[in-house]
Amino acid sequence: STSITTMAEGRKFFVGGNWKLNGSKQFVETLLTGLNDATLPETVDVVVAPPTLYLSQAVEKASPQLNVSAQNCWKDEKGAFTGETSPAMLKDLGLKWVILG
């Protein structure tokens, strides 16, 4: 439709999956193999958000057509914040996406 085309001009559509508290090393392998093998439109950003424990594996496995997102991060770069992940840590993994809120 014309309204969708007009709205999307200059922007990409976004499709994301937040795994919440789900997944395993095998799940990362299986899902990302399937997504890597898929023909995805260049007009869509496809983003997967595994639990923090699996971020490194997902980054290593994801093809350039996929984006990996963290599910959360803390505002400070470092400090005594047990269990938190900083934006600097996510950037160090090569992540450009994070879910907040």
PDB file of N, CA and C in Angstrom:
ATOM      1  N   SER A   1       0.836  -1.179   0.000  1.00  0.00           N
ATOM      2  CA  SER A   1       0.000   0.000   0.000  1.00  0.00           C
ATOM      3  C   SER A   1       0.881   1.242   0.000  1.00  0.00           C
ATOM      4  N   THR A   2       0.329   2.327  -0.456  1.00  0.00           N
ATOM      5  CA  THR A   2       1.069   3.580  -0.556  1.00  0.00           C
ATOM      6  C   THR A   2       1.486   4.095   0.815  1.00  0.00           C
ATOM      7  N   SER A   3       0.627   3.992   1.812  1.00  0.00           N
ATOM      8  CA  SER A   3       0.967   4.520   3.135  1.00  0.00           C
ATOM      9  C   SER A   3       2.143   3.768   3.755  1.00  0.00           C
ATOM     10  N   ILE A   4       2.221   2.487   3.552  1.00  0.00           N
ATOM     11  CA  ILE A   4       3.345   1.714   4.086  1.00  0.00           C
ATOM     12  C   ILE A   4       4.632   2.098   3.373  1.00  0.00           C
ATOM     13  N   THR A   5       4.584   2.226   2.074  1.00  0.00           N
ATOM     14  CA  THR A   5       5.759   2.617   1.310  1.00  0.00           C
ATOM     15  C   THR A   5       6.249   3.993   1.744  1.00  0.00           C
ATOM     16  N   THR A   6       5.342   4.934   1.887  1.00  0.00           N
ATOM     17  CA  THR A   6       5.714   6.283   2.301  1.00  0.00           C
ATOM     18  C   THR A   6       6.305   6.279   3.705  1.00  0.00           C
ATOM     19  N   MET A   7       5.692   5.558   4.629  1.00  0.00           N
ATOM     20  CA  MET A   7       6.177   5.503   5.999  1.00  0.00           C
ATOM     21  C   MET A   7       7.582   4.903   6.069  1.00  0.00           C
ATOM     22  N   ALA A   8       7.863   3.936   5.212  1.00  0.00           N
ATOM     23  CA  ALA A   8       9.118   3.196   5.303  1.00  0.00           C
ATOM     24  C   ALA A   8      10.256   3.825   4.516  1.00  0.00           C
ATOM     25  N   GLU A   9       9.980   4.844   3.719  1.00  0.00           N
ATOM     26  CA  GLU A   9      11.044   5.441   2.930  1.00  0.00           C
ATOM     27  C   GLU A   9      12.177   5.927   3.822  1.00  0.00           C
ATOM     28  N   GLY A  10      13.387   5.505   3.490  1.00  0.00           N
ATOM     29  CA  GLY A  10      14.545   5.922   4.254  1.00  0.00           C
ATOM     30  C   GLY A  10      14.757   5.143   5.544  1.00  0.00           C
ATOM     31  N   ARG A  11      13.871   4.229   5.866  1.00  0.00           N
ATOM     32  CA  ARG A  11      13.989   3.431   7.086  1.00  0.00           C
ATOM     33  C   ARG A  11      13.841   1.956   6.747  1.00  0.00           C
ATOM     34  N   LYS A  12      14.377   1.131   7.611  1.00  0.00           N
ATOM     35  CA  LYS A  12      14.207  -0.306   7.459  1.00  0.00           C
ATOM     36  C   LYS A  12      13.120  -0.790   8.405  1.00  0.00           C
ATOM     37  N   PHE A  13      12.434  -1.833   7.977  1.00  0.00           N
ATOM     38  CA  PHE A  13      11.534  -2.505   8.883  1.00  0.00           C
ATOM     39  C   PHE A  13      12.379  -3.312   9.863  1.00  0.00           C
ATOM     40  N   PHE A  14      11.813  -3.629  10.998  1.00  0.00           N
ATOM     41  CA  PHE A  14      12.528  -4.303  12.069  1.00  0.00           C
ATOM     42  C   PHE A  14      11.759  -5.552  12.477  1.00  0.00           C
ATOM     43  N   VAL A  15      12.465  -6.681  12.535  1.00  0.00           N
ATOM     44  CA  VAL A  15      11.888  -7.919  13.053  1.00  0.00           C
ATOM     45  C   VAL A  15      12.851  -8.433  14.102  1.00  0.00           C
ATOM     46  N   GLY A  16      12.360  -8.579  15.317  1.00  0.00           N
ATOM     47  CA  GLY A  16      13.242  -8.997  16.395  1.00  0.00           C
ATOM     48  C   GLY A  16      12.635 -10.098  17.232  1.00  0.00           C
ATOM     49  N   GLY A  17      13.518 -10.874  17.835  1.00  0.00           N
ATOM     50  CA  GLY A  17      13.085 -11.941  18.723  1.00  0.00           C
ATOM     51  C   GLY A  17      13.837 -11.871  20.038  1.00  0.00           C
ATOM     52  N   ASN A  18      13.115 -11.589  21.119  1.00  0.00           N
ATOM     53  CA  ASN A  18      13.691 -11.585  22.458  1.00  0.00           C
ATOM     54  C   ASN A  18      13.470 -12.978  23.042  1.00  0.00           C
ATOM     55  N   TRP A  19      14.540 -13.691  23.311  1.00  0.00           N
ATOM     56  CA  TRP A  19      14.440 -15.068  23.786  1.00  0.00           C
ATOM     57  C   TRP A  19      14.062 -15.153  25.250  1.00  0.00           C
ATOM     58  N   LYS A  20      14.053 -14.013  25.947  1.00  0.00           N
ATOM     59  CA  LYS A  20      13.755 -13.975  27.377  1.00  0.00           C
ATOM     60  C   LYS A  20      14.691 -14.947  28.103  1.00  0.00           C
ATOM     61  N   LEU A  21      14.152 -15.798  28.957  1.00  0.00           N
ATOM     62  CA  LEU A  21      14.953 -16.763  29.710  1.00  0.00           C
ATOM     63  C   LEU A  21      14.828 -18.135  29.046  1.00  0.00           C
ATOM     64  N   ASN A  22      15.106 -18.175  27.747  1.00  0.00           N
ATOM     65  CA  ASN A  22      15.014 -19.411  26.974  1.00  0.00           C
ATOM     66  C   ASN A  22      16.276 -19.581  26.143  1.00  0.00           C
ATOM     67  N   GLY A  23      16.567 -20.817  25.786  1.00  0.00           N
ATOM     68  CA  GLY A  23      17.689 -21.080  24.911  1.00  0.00           C
ATOM     69  C   GLY A  23      18.708 -22.004  25.537  1.00  0.00           C
ATOM     70  N   SER A  24      19.634 -22.412  24.708  1.00  0.00           N
ATOM     71  CA  SER A  24      20.752 -23.272  25.091  1.00  0.00           C
ATOM     72  C   SER A  24      21.810 -23.100  24.009  1.00  0.00           C
ATOM     73  N   LYS A  25      22.989 -23.656  24.227  1.00  0.00           N
ATOM     74  CA  LYS A  25      24.014 -23.572  23.185  1.00  0.00           C
ATOM     75  C   LYS A  25      23.511 -24.229  21.902  1.00  0.00           C
ATOM     76  N   GLN A  26      22.820 -25.357  22.025  1.00  0.00           N
ATOM     77  CA  GLN A  26      22.288 -26.039  20.837  1.00  0.00           C
ATOM     78  C   GLN A  26      21.214 -25.194  20.155  1.00  0.00           C
ATOM     79  N   PHE A  27      20.383 -24.520  20.937  1.00  0.00           N
ATOM     80  CA  PHE A  27      19.351 -23.659  20.368  1.00  0.00           C
ATOM     81  C   PHE A  27      19.969 -22.529  19.556  1.00  0.00           C
ATOM     82  N   VAL A  28      21.032 -21.920  20.084  1.00  0.00           N
ATOM     83  CA  VAL A  28      21.736 -20.860  19.354  1.00  0.00           C
ATOM     84  C   VAL A  28      22.217 -21.402  18.012  1.00  0.00           C
ATOM     85  N   GLU A  29      22.858 -22.554  18.034  1.00  0.00           N
ATOM     86  CA  GLU A  29      23.365 -23.169  16.799  1.00  0.00           C
ATOM     87  C   GLU A  29      22.240 -23.416  15.803  1.00  0.00           C
ATOM     88  N   THR A  30      21.170 -24.027  16.259  1.00  0.00           N
ATOM     89  CA  THR A  30      20.061 -24.397  15.365  1.00  0.00           C
ATOM     90  C   THR A  30      19.362 -23.167  14.788  1.00  0.00           C
ATOM     91  N   LEU A  31      18.991 -22.225  15.642  1.00  0.00           N
ATOM     92  CA  LEU A  31      18.262 -21.055  15.164  1.00  0.00           C
ATOM     93  C   LEU A  31      19.111 -20.200  14.232  1.00  0.00           C
ATOM     94  N   LEU A  32      20.361 -19.940  14.619  1.00  0.00           N
ATOM     95  CA  LEU A  32      21.187 -19.063  13.787  1.00  0.00           C
ATOM     96  C   LEU A  32      21.614 -19.745  12.494  1.00  0.00           C
ATOM     97  N   THR A  33      21.769 -21.051  12.499  1.00  0.00           N
ATOM     98  CA  THR A  33      22.033 -21.752  11.234  1.00  0.00           C
ATOM     99  C   THR A  33      20.856 -21.553  10.287  1.00  0.00           C
ATOM    100  N   GLY A  34      19.643 -21.698  10.804  1.00  0.00           N
ATOM    101  CA  GLY A  34      18.448 -21.492   9.978  1.00  0.00           C
ATOM    102  C   GLY A  34      18.329 -20.072   9.467  1.00  0.00           C
ATOM    103  N   LEU A  35      18.567 -19.100  10.336  1.00  0.00           N
ATOM    104  CA  LEU A  35      18.482 -17.699   9.902  1.00  0.00           C
ATOM    105  C   LEU A  35      19.616 -17.337   8.949  1.00  0.00           C
ATOM    106  N   ASN A  36      20.808 -17.855   9.196  1.00  0.00           N
ATOM    107  CA  ASN A  36      21.936 -17.591   8.297  1.00  0.00           C
ATOM    108  C   ASN A  36      21.671 -18.125   6.900  1.00  0.00           C
ATOM    109  N   ASP A  37      20.984 -19.260   6.813  1.00  0.00           N
ATOM    110  CA  ASP A  37      20.701 -19.888   5.521  1.00  0.00           C
ATOM    111  C   ASP A  37      19.499 -19.271   4.815  1.00  0.00           C
ATOM    112  N   ALA A  38      18.733 -18.469   5.522  1.00  0.00           N
ATOM    113  CA  ALA A  38      17.520 -17.876   4.947  1.00  0.00           C
ATOM    114  C   ALA A  38      17.878 -16.712   4.025  1.00  0.00           C
ATOM    115  N   THR A  39      17.008 -16.486   3.056  1.00  0.00           N
ATOM    116  CA  THR A  39      17.127 -15.299   2.215  1.00  0.00           C
ATOM    117  C   THR A  39      16.279 -14.215   2.860  1.00  0.00           C
ATOM    118  N   LEU A  40      16.956 -13.235   3.431  1.00  0.00           N
ATOM    119  CA  LEU A  40      16.258 -12.169   4.136  1.00  0.00           C
ATOM    120  C   LEU A  40      16.308 -10.891   3.314  1.00  0.00           C
ATOM    121  N   PRO A  41      15.200 -10.151   3.249  1.00  0.00           N
ATOM    122  CA  PRO A  41      15.188  -8.905   2.485  1.00  0.00           C
ATOM    123  C   PRO A  41      16.171  -7.894   3.065  1.00  0.00           C
ATOM    124  N   GLU A  42      16.857  -7.174   2.212  1.00  0.00           N
ATOM    125  CA  GLU A  42      17.798  -6.148   2.666  1.00  0.00           C
ATOM    126  C   GLU A  42      17.083  -4.962   3.306  1.00  0.00           C
ATOM    127  N   THR A  43      15.787  -4.886   3.124  1.00  0.00           N
ATOM    128  CA  THR A  43      15.009  -3.773   3.666  1.00  0.00           C
ATOM    129  C   THR A  43      14.529  -4.045   5.092  1.00  0.00           C
ATOM    130  N   VAL A  44      14.972  -5.154   5.687  1.00  0.00           N
ATOM    131  CA  VAL A  44      14.529  -5.538   7.025  1.00  0.00           C
ATOM    132  C   VAL A  44      15.739  -5.788   7.922  1.00  0.00           C
ATOM    133  N   ASP A  45      15.735  -5.191   9.115  1.00  0.00           N
ATOM    134  CA  ASP A  45      16.727  -5.518  10.133  1.00  0.00           C
ATOM    135  C   ASP A  45      16.186  -6.701  10.926  1.00  0.00           C
ATOM    136  N   VAL A  46      16.911  -7.807  10.918  1.00  0.00           N
ATOM    137  CA  VAL A  46      16.538  -8.986  11.689  1.00  0.00           C
ATOM    138  C   VAL A  46      17.460  -9.054  12.901  1.00  0.00           C
ATOM    139  N   VAL A  47      16.858  -9.080  14.093  1.00  0.00           N
ATOM    140  CA  VAL A  47      17.608  -8.995  15.343  1.00  0.00           C
ATOM    141  C   VAL A  47      17.206 -10.140  16.257  1.00  0.00           C
ATOM    142  N   VAL A  48      18.209 -10.814  16.821  1.00  0.00           N
ATOM    143  CA  VAL A  48      17.960 -11.847  17.819  1.00  0.00           C
ATOM    144  C   VAL A  48      18.528 -11.376  19.153  1.00  0.00           C
ATOM    145  N   ALA A  49      17.828 -11.681  20.247  1.00  0.00           N
ATOM    146  CA  ALA A  49      18.241 -11.222  21.571  1.00  0.00           C
ATOM    147  C   ALA A  49      18.288 -12.399  22.545  1.00  0.00           C
ATOM    148  N   PRO A  50      19.392 -13.138  22.517  1.00  0.00           N
ATOM    149  CA  PRO A  50      19.518 -14.269  23.439  1.00  0.00           C
ATOM    150  C   PRO A  50      19.839 -13.795  24.858  1.00  0.00           C
ATOM    151  N   PRO A  51      19.707 -14.694  25.840  1.00  0.00           N
ATOM    152  CA  PRO A  51      20.174 -14.341  27.184  1.00  0.00           C
ATOM    153  C   PRO A  51      21.664 -13.994  27.153  1.00  0.00           C
ATOM    154  N   THR A  52      22.091 -13.171  28.105  1.00  0.00           N
ATOM    155  CA  THR A  52      23.470 -12.679  28.156  1.00  0.00           C
ATOM    156  C   THR A  52      24.495 -13.801  28.038  1.00  0.00           C
ATOM    157  N   LEU A  53      24.228 -14.922  28.665  1.00  0.00           N
ATOM    158  CA  LEU A  53      25.153 -16.051  28.656  1.00  0.00           C
ATOM    159  C   LEU A  53      25.496 -16.521  27.237  1.00  0.00           C
ATOM    160  N   TYR A  54      24.587 -16.311  26.288  1.00  0.00           N
ATOM    161  CA  TYR A  54      24.773 -16.803  24.920  1.00  0.00           C
ATOM    162  C   TYR A  54      25.115 -15.704  23.904  1.00  0.00           C
ATOM    163  N   LEU A  55      25.343 -14.481  24.373  1.00  0.00           N
ATOM    164  CA  LEU A  55      25.629 -13.383  23.439  1.00  0.00           C
ATOM    165  C   LEU A  55      26.878 -13.646  22.600  1.00  0.00           C
ATOM    166  N   SER A  56      27.983 -14.047  23.220  1.00  0.00           N
ATOM    167  CA  SER A  56      29.226 -14.270  22.462  1.00  0.00           C
ATOM    168  C   SER A  56      29.046 -15.337  21.402  1.00  0.00           C
ATOM    169  N   GLN A  57      28.379 -16.421  21.762  1.00  0.00           N
ATOM    170  CA  GLN A  57      28.145 -17.496  20.799  1.00  0.00           C
ATOM    171  C   GLN A  57      27.281 -17.000  19.642  1.00  0.00           C
ATOM    172  N   ALA A  58      26.259 -16.230  19.954  1.00  0.00           N
ATOM    173  CA  ALA A  58      25.377 -15.720  18.899  1.00  0.00           C
ATOM    174  C   ALA A  58      26.126 -14.763  17.971  1.00  0.00           C
ATOM    175  N   VAL A  59      26.965 -13.897  18.545  1.00  0.00           N
ATOM    176  CA  VAL A  59      27.751 -12.962  17.733  1.00  0.00           C
ATOM    177  C   VAL A  59      28.670 -13.738  16.792  1.00  0.00           C
ATOM    178  N   GLU A  60      29.324 -14.760  17.298  1.00  0.00           N
ATOM    179  CA  GLU A  60      30.245 -15.558  16.472  1.00  0.00           C
ATOM    180  C   GLU A  60      29.507 -16.319  15.379  1.00  0.00           C
ATOM    181  N   LYS A  61      28.290 -16.771  15.657  1.00  0.00           N
ATOM    182  CA  LYS A  61      27.533 -17.614  14.716  1.00  0.00           C
ATOM    183  C   LYS A  61      26.743 -16.790  13.690  1.00  0.00           C
ATOM    184  N   ALA A  62      26.326 -15.582  14.052  1.00  0.00           N
ATOM    185  CA  ALA A  62      25.433 -14.797  13.183  1.00  0.00           C
ATOM    186  C   ALA A  62      26.150 -14.317  11.927  1.00  0.00           C
ATOM    187  N   SER A  63      25.471 -14.441  10.805  1.00  0.00           N
ATOM    188  CA  SER A  63      25.984 -13.911   9.538  1.00  0.00           C
ATOM    189  C   SER A  63      25.808 -12.386   9.538  1.00  0.00           C
ATOM    190  N   PRO A  64      26.469 -11.698   8.600  1.00  0.00           N
ATOM    191  CA  PRO A  64      26.341 -10.232   8.539  1.00  0.00           C
ATOM    192  C   PRO A  64      24.912  -9.736   8.303  1.00  0.00           C
ATOM    193  N   GLN A  65      24.015 -10.597   7.826  1.00  0.00           N
ATOM    194  CA  GLN A  65      22.633 -10.165   7.591  1.00  0.00           C
ATOM    195  C   GLN A  65      21.800 -10.147   8.878  1.00  0.00           C
ATOM    196  N   LEU A  66      22.383 -10.632   9.981  1.00  0.00           N
ATOM    197  CA  LEU A  66      21.689 -10.680  11.263  1.00  0.00           C
ATOM    198  C   LEU A  66      22.320  -9.719  12.259  1.00  0.00           C
ATOM    199  N   ASN A  67      21.519  -9.257  13.186  1.00  0.00           N
ATOM    200  CA  ASN A  67      21.992  -8.423  14.285  1.00  0.00           C
ATOM    201  C   ASN A  67      21.734  -9.153  15.592  1.00  0.00           C
ATOM    202  N   VAL A  68      22.652  -9.026  16.528  1.00  0.00           N
ATOM    203  CA  VAL A  68      22.490  -9.616  17.850  1.00  0.00           C
ATOM    204  C   VAL A  68      22.286  -8.481  18.840  1.00  0.00           C
ATOM    205  N   SER A  69      21.323  -8.655  19.731  1.00  0.00           N
ATOM    206  CA  SER A  69      20.986  -7.642  20.727  1.00  0.00           C
ATOM    207  C   SER A  69      21.107  -8.224  22.125  1.00  0.00           C
ATOM    208  N   ALA A  70      21.522  -7.382  23.057  1.00  0.00           N
ATOM    209  CA  ALA A  70      21.429  -7.741  24.468  1.00  0.00           C
ATOM    210  C   ALA A  70      19.997  -7.490  24.920  1.00  0.00           C
ATOM    211  N   GLN A  71      19.605  -8.148  25.997  1.00  0.00           N
ATOM    212  CA  GLN A  71      18.266  -7.954  26.525  1.00  0.00           C
ATOM    213  C   GLN A  71      18.190  -6.806  27.531  1.00  0.00           C
ATOM    214  N   ASN A  72      19.342  -6.355  27.995  1.00  0.00           N
ATOM    215  CA  ASN A  72      19.364  -5.283  28.984  1.00  0.00           C
ATOM    216  C   ASN A  72      20.791  -4.780  29.135  1.00  0.00           C
ATOM    217  N   CYS A  73      20.970  -3.627  29.731  1.00  0.00           N
ATOM    218  CA  CYS A  73      22.294  -3.156  30.141  1.00  0.00           C
ATOM    219  C   CYS A  73      22.138  -2.119  31.237  1.00  0.00           C
ATOM    220  N   TRP A  74      23.206  -1.911  31.961  1.00  0.00           N
ATOM    221  CA  TRP A  74      23.261  -0.944  33.051  1.00  0.00           C
ATOM    222  C   TRP A  74      23.913   0.323  32.533  1.00  0.00           C
ATOM    223  N   LYS A  75      23.613   1.444  33.105  1.00  0.00           N
ATOM    224  CA  LYS A  75      24.064   2.740  32.605  1.00  0.00           C
ATOM    225  C   LYS A  75      25.541   3.027  32.830  1.00  0.00           C
ATOM    226  N   ASP A  76      26.136   2.427  33.863  1.00  0.00           N
ATOM    227  CA  ASP A  76      27.527   2.722  34.190  1.00  0.00           C
ATOM    228  C   ASP A  76      28.490   1.812  33.437  1.00  0.00           C
ATOM    229  N   GLU A  77      29.673   2.339  33.138  1.00  0.00           N
ATOM    230  CA  GLU A  77      30.674   1.576  32.392  1.00  0.00           C
ATOM    231  C   GLU A  77      31.284   0.458  33.227  1.00  0.00           C
ATOM    232  N   LYS A  78      31.440   0.704  34.536  1.00  0.00           N
ATOM    233  CA  LYS A  78      32.012  -0.319  35.418  1.00  0.00           C
ATOM    234  C   LYS A  78      31.620   0.008  36.847  1.00  0.00           C
ATOM    235  N   GLY A  79      31.872  -0.938  37.743  1.00  0.00           N
ATOM    236  CA  GLY A  79      31.581  -0.708  39.150  1.00  0.00           C
ATOM    237  C   GLY A  79      31.055  -1.956  39.827  1.00  0.00           C
ATOM    238  N   ALA A  80      30.630  -1.812  41.046  1.00  0.00           N
ATOM    239  CA  ALA A  80      30.156  -2.930  41.866  1.00  0.00           C
ATOM    240  C   ALA A  80      28.659  -3.145  41.644  1.00  0.00           C
ATOM    241  N   PHE A  81      28.310  -3.606  40.457  1.00  0.00           N
ATOM    242  CA  PHE A  81      26.916  -3.837  40.078  1.00  0.00           C
ATOM    243  C   PHE A  81      26.769  -5.306  39.678  1.00  0.00           C
ATOM    244  N   THR A  82      26.600  -6.149  40.675  1.00  0.00           N
ATOM    245  CA  THR A  82      26.559  -7.600  40.465  1.00  0.00           C
ATOM    246  C   THR A  82      25.538  -7.991  39.402  1.00  0.00           C
ATOM    247  N   GLY A  83      25.994  -8.764  38.429  1.00  0.00           N
ATOM    248  CA  GLY A  83      25.116  -9.296  37.394  1.00  0.00           C
ATOM    249  C   GLY A  83      24.769  -8.353  36.274  1.00  0.00           C
ATOM    250  N   GLU A  84      25.219  -7.132  36.347  1.00  0.00           N
ATOM    251  CA  GLU A  84      24.884  -6.157  35.306  1.00  0.00           C
ATOM    252  C   GLU A  84      25.885  -6.221  34.146  1.00  0.00           C
ATOM    253  N   THR A  85      25.471  -5.683  33.021  1.00  0.00           N
ATOM    254  CA  THR A  85      26.299  -5.604  31.824  1.00  0.00           C
ATOM    255  C   THR A  85      26.307  -4.155  31.359  1.00  0.00           C
ATOM    256  N   SER A  86      27.486  -3.620  31.084  1.00  0.00           N
ATOM    257  CA  SER A  86      27.580  -2.213  30.693  1.00  0.00           C
ATOM    258  C   SER A  86      27.495  -2.044  29.181  1.00  0.00           C
ATOM    259  N   PRO A  87      27.151  -0.844  28.721  1.00  0.00           N
ATOM    260  CA  PRO A  87      27.182  -0.569  27.289  1.00  0.00           C
ATOM    261  C   PRO A  87      28.573  -0.817  26.693  1.00  0.00           C
ATOM    262  N   ALA A  88      29.633  -0.500  27.445  1.00  0.00           N
ATOM    263  CA  ALA A  88      30.997  -0.732  26.954  1.00  0.00           C
ATOM    264  C   ALA A  88      31.262  -2.219  26.733  1.00  0.00           C
ATOM    265  N   MET A  89      30.744  -3.067  27.617  1.00  0.00           N
ATOM    266  CA  MET A  89      30.910  -4.516  27.450  1.00  0.00           C
ATOM    267  C   MET A  89      30.186  -5.000  26.197  1.00  0.00           C
ATOM    268  N   LEU A  90      28.994  -4.485  25.976  1.00  0.00           N
ATOM    269  CA  LEU A  90      28.227  -4.889  24.790  1.00  0.00           C
ATOM    270  C   LEU A  90      28.923  -4.418  23.519  1.00  0.00           C
ATOM    271  N   LYS A  91      29.443  -3.216  23.546  1.00  0.00           N
ATOM    272  CA  LYS A  91      30.182  -2.691  22.397  1.00  0.00           C
ATOM    273  C   LYS A  91      31.423  -3.533  22.128  1.00  0.00           C
ATOM    274  N   ASP A  92      32.082  -3.987  23.203  1.00  0.00           N
ATOM    275  CA  ASP A  92      33.263  -4.831  23.075  1.00  0.00           C
ATOM    276  C   ASP A  92      32.943  -6.141  22.356  1.00  0.00           C
ATOM    277  N   LEU A  93      31.718  -6.634  22.511  1.00  0.00           N
ATOM    278  CA  LEU A  93      31.282  -7.836  21.796  1.00  0.00           C
ATOM    279  C   LEU A  93      30.863  -7.531  20.357  1.00  0.00           C
ATOM    280  N   GLY A  94      30.783  -6.262  20.007  1.00  0.00           N
ATOM    281  CA  GLY A  94      30.362  -5.884  18.662  1.00  0.00           C
ATOM    282  C   GLY A  94      28.873  -5.642  18.537  1.00  0.00           C
ATOM    283  N   LEU A  95      28.173  -5.583  19.659  1.00  0.00           N
ATOM    284  CA  LEU A  95      26.732  -5.370  19.625  1.00  0.00           C
ATOM    285  C   LEU A  95      26.388  -3.913  19.351  1.00  0.00           C
ATOM    286  N   LYS A  96      25.333  -3.724  18.566  1.00  0.00           N
ATOM    287  CA  LYS A  96      24.830  -2.391  18.266  1.00  0.00           C
ATOM    288  C   LYS A  96      23.391  -2.215  18.759  1.00  0.00           C
ATOM    289  N   TRP A  97      22.838  -3.270  19.317  1.00  0.00           N
ATOM    290  CA  TRP A  97      21.450  -3.255  19.748  1.00  0.00           C
ATOM    291  C   TRP A  97      21.362  -3.682  21.216  1.00  0.00           C
ATOM    292  N   VAL A  98      20.398  -3.105  21.923  1.00  0.00           N
ATOM    293  CA  VAL A  98      20.045  -3.539  23.272  1.00  0.00           C
ATOM    294  C   VAL A  98      18.573  -3.202  23.514  1.00  0.00           C
ATOM    295  N   ILE A  99      17.895  -4.080  24.226  1.00  0.00           N
ATOM    296  CA  ILE A  99      16.499  -3.849  24.593  1.00  0.00           C
ATOM    297  C   ILE A  99      16.496  -3.202  25.975  1.00  0.00           C
ATOM    298  N   LEU A 100      15.870  -2.073  26.098  1.00  0.00           N
ATOM    299  CA  LEU A 100      15.747  -1.391  27.377  1.00  0.00           C
ATOM    300  C   LEU A 100      14.286  -1.087  27.656  1.00  0.00           C
ATOM    301  N   GLY A 101      13.923  -1.154  28.937  1.00  0.00           N
ATOM    302  CA  GLY A 101      12.579  -0.754  29.299  1.00  0.00           C
ATOM    303  C   GLY A 101      11.716  -1.845  29.805  1.00  0.00           C
TER     304      GLY A 101
END
